Every structure is written in C-alpha cells, then in structure tokens.
Protein backbone atom coordinates (compact mmCIF):
# COMPACT_ATOMS: atom_id res chain seq x y z
CA UNK A 1 77.07 -19.49 75.63
CA UNK A 2 77.56 -16.67 73.14
CA UNK A 3 79.14 -13.43 74.25
CA UNK A 4 77.73 -9.97 73.55
CA UNK A 5 79.17 -6.48 73.74
CA UNK A 6 77.10 -3.54 74.91
CA UNK A 7 76.45 -1.11 72.07
CA UNK A 8 78.18 2.22 72.50
CA UNK A 9 75.72 4.96 73.37
CA UNK A 10 76.08 8.54 74.49
CA UNK A 11 74.24 9.49 77.67
CA UNK A 12 73.80 12.70 79.62
CA UNK A 13 75.04 12.69 83.22
CA UNK A 14 75.74 15.01 86.12
CA UNK A 15 77.50 14.16 89.38
CA UNK A 16 75.60 15.31 92.44
CA UNK A 17 77.98 16.99 94.87
CA UNK A 18 75.53 17.03 97.77
CA UNK A 19 74.38 20.66 97.85
CA UNK A 20 70.75 21.70 98.05
CA UNK A 21 71.34 24.26 95.30
CA UNK A 22 72.63 21.64 92.90
CA UNK A 23 69.85 19.26 93.96
CA UNK A 24 67.34 21.89 92.80
CA UNK A 25 69.09 22.02 89.41
CA UNK A 26 68.93 18.24 89.13
CA UNK A 27 65.24 18.15 90.09
CA UNK A 28 64.58 20.74 87.37
CA UNK A 29 65.75 18.19 84.79
CA UNK A 30 62.49 16.27 85.35
CA UNK A 31 60.37 17.37 88.33
CA UNK A 32 57.88 14.57 87.64
CA UNK A 33 60.40 11.81 88.41
CA UNK A 34 63.15 13.48 90.50
CA UNK A 35 62.60 14.83 94.02
CA UNK A 36 64.71 16.36 96.80
CA UNK A 37 63.41 16.75 100.34
CA UNK A 38 65.13 19.13 102.74
CA UNK A 39 64.39 16.77 105.65
CA UNK A 40 66.67 14.17 103.98
CA UNK A 41 69.35 16.45 102.47
CA UNK A 42 71.71 13.60 101.66
CA UNK A 43 69.30 11.94 99.20
CA UNK A 44 67.76 12.65 95.82
CA UNK A 45 64.80 10.43 94.99
CA UNK A 46 64.31 9.24 91.42
CA UNK A 47 61.29 7.34 90.14
CA UNK A 48 62.89 4.95 87.63
CA UNK A 49 61.49 2.29 85.32
CA UNK A 50 62.46 -0.22 88.05
CA UNK A 51 60.88 1.72 90.93
CA UNK A 52 61.95 4.42 93.39
CA UNK A 53 65.74 4.74 93.76
CA UNK A 54 67.87 7.12 95.81
CA UNK A 55 71.03 8.97 94.89
CA UNK A 56 73.58 9.99 97.50
CA UNK A 57 76.21 12.72 97.19
CA UNK A 58 78.92 11.78 94.66
CA UNK A 59 76.48 9.54 92.73
CA UNK A 60 75.91 10.29 89.07
CA UNK A 61 72.44 11.08 87.75
CA UNK A 62 72.20 9.55 84.28
CA UNK A 63 69.69 10.23 81.54
CA UNK A 64 69.16 7.02 79.58
CA UNK A 65 68.50 6.50 75.90
CA UNK A 66 64.73 6.81 76.37
CA UNK A 67 64.98 10.02 78.40
CA UNK A 68 64.60 8.26 81.75
CA UNK A 69 66.78 9.20 84.75
CA UNK A 70 68.49 6.93 87.24
CA UNK A 71 71.34 7.07 89.77
CA UNK A 72 74.71 5.40 89.30
CA UNK A 73 77.43 4.84 91.90
CA UNK A 74 80.77 6.53 91.07
CA UNK A 75 82.76 3.30 90.68
CA UNK A 76 80.22 1.81 88.27
CA UNK A 77 80.09 5.08 86.33
CA UNK A 78 83.90 5.17 85.95
CA UNK A 79 83.96 1.53 84.80
CA UNK A 80 81.14 2.04 82.28
CA UNK A 81 81.49 5.54 80.83
CA UNK A 82 84.13 7.92 79.49
CA UNK A 83 83.82 11.57 78.42
CA UNK A 84 83.09 12.30 74.75
C-alpha cells in the first residue's frame, strides 16, 4: 500500500469556551448552518457536509477549505493543527 501525506492547508478556527455570548459570535459566522439553543447551553449545533454535529465547550469550530464549518475535539485539533 502506498503512503500519502495530507497537504498543508490553512484553516480558520475558534475554540468555544462555553459562554452564550461567544456562542452568538460563533453562530454569526454562518447562521444558516450553525445554531445555539438556550435550552441546551452546553451544545452548538452545526449542519456539516456529513450531517448534524454538535460542539461542546472546549471544542474547536473549524472552517474548512470550502467554507464549511465543523466541530473538532481539542486533542484532535492539537494533533492536527499548529498556529501560523
């Protein structure tokens, strides 16, 4: 089997710290695909290319190369990305 390396890309990301105020800022990035409900204040809902996903406090919200948004757990984010 051949091996492949992931191409280096630059993405936009913000870590959600769990506040309703910051959730509103994250929703404003794309109100059509990102939602926050006060009745479930520990979740941000993101409609991704793979379906509906949820982000919990401390998760990273990533904007992909096609402009899409999706959540990423902190350990995966640290293993995959570094600041530029």
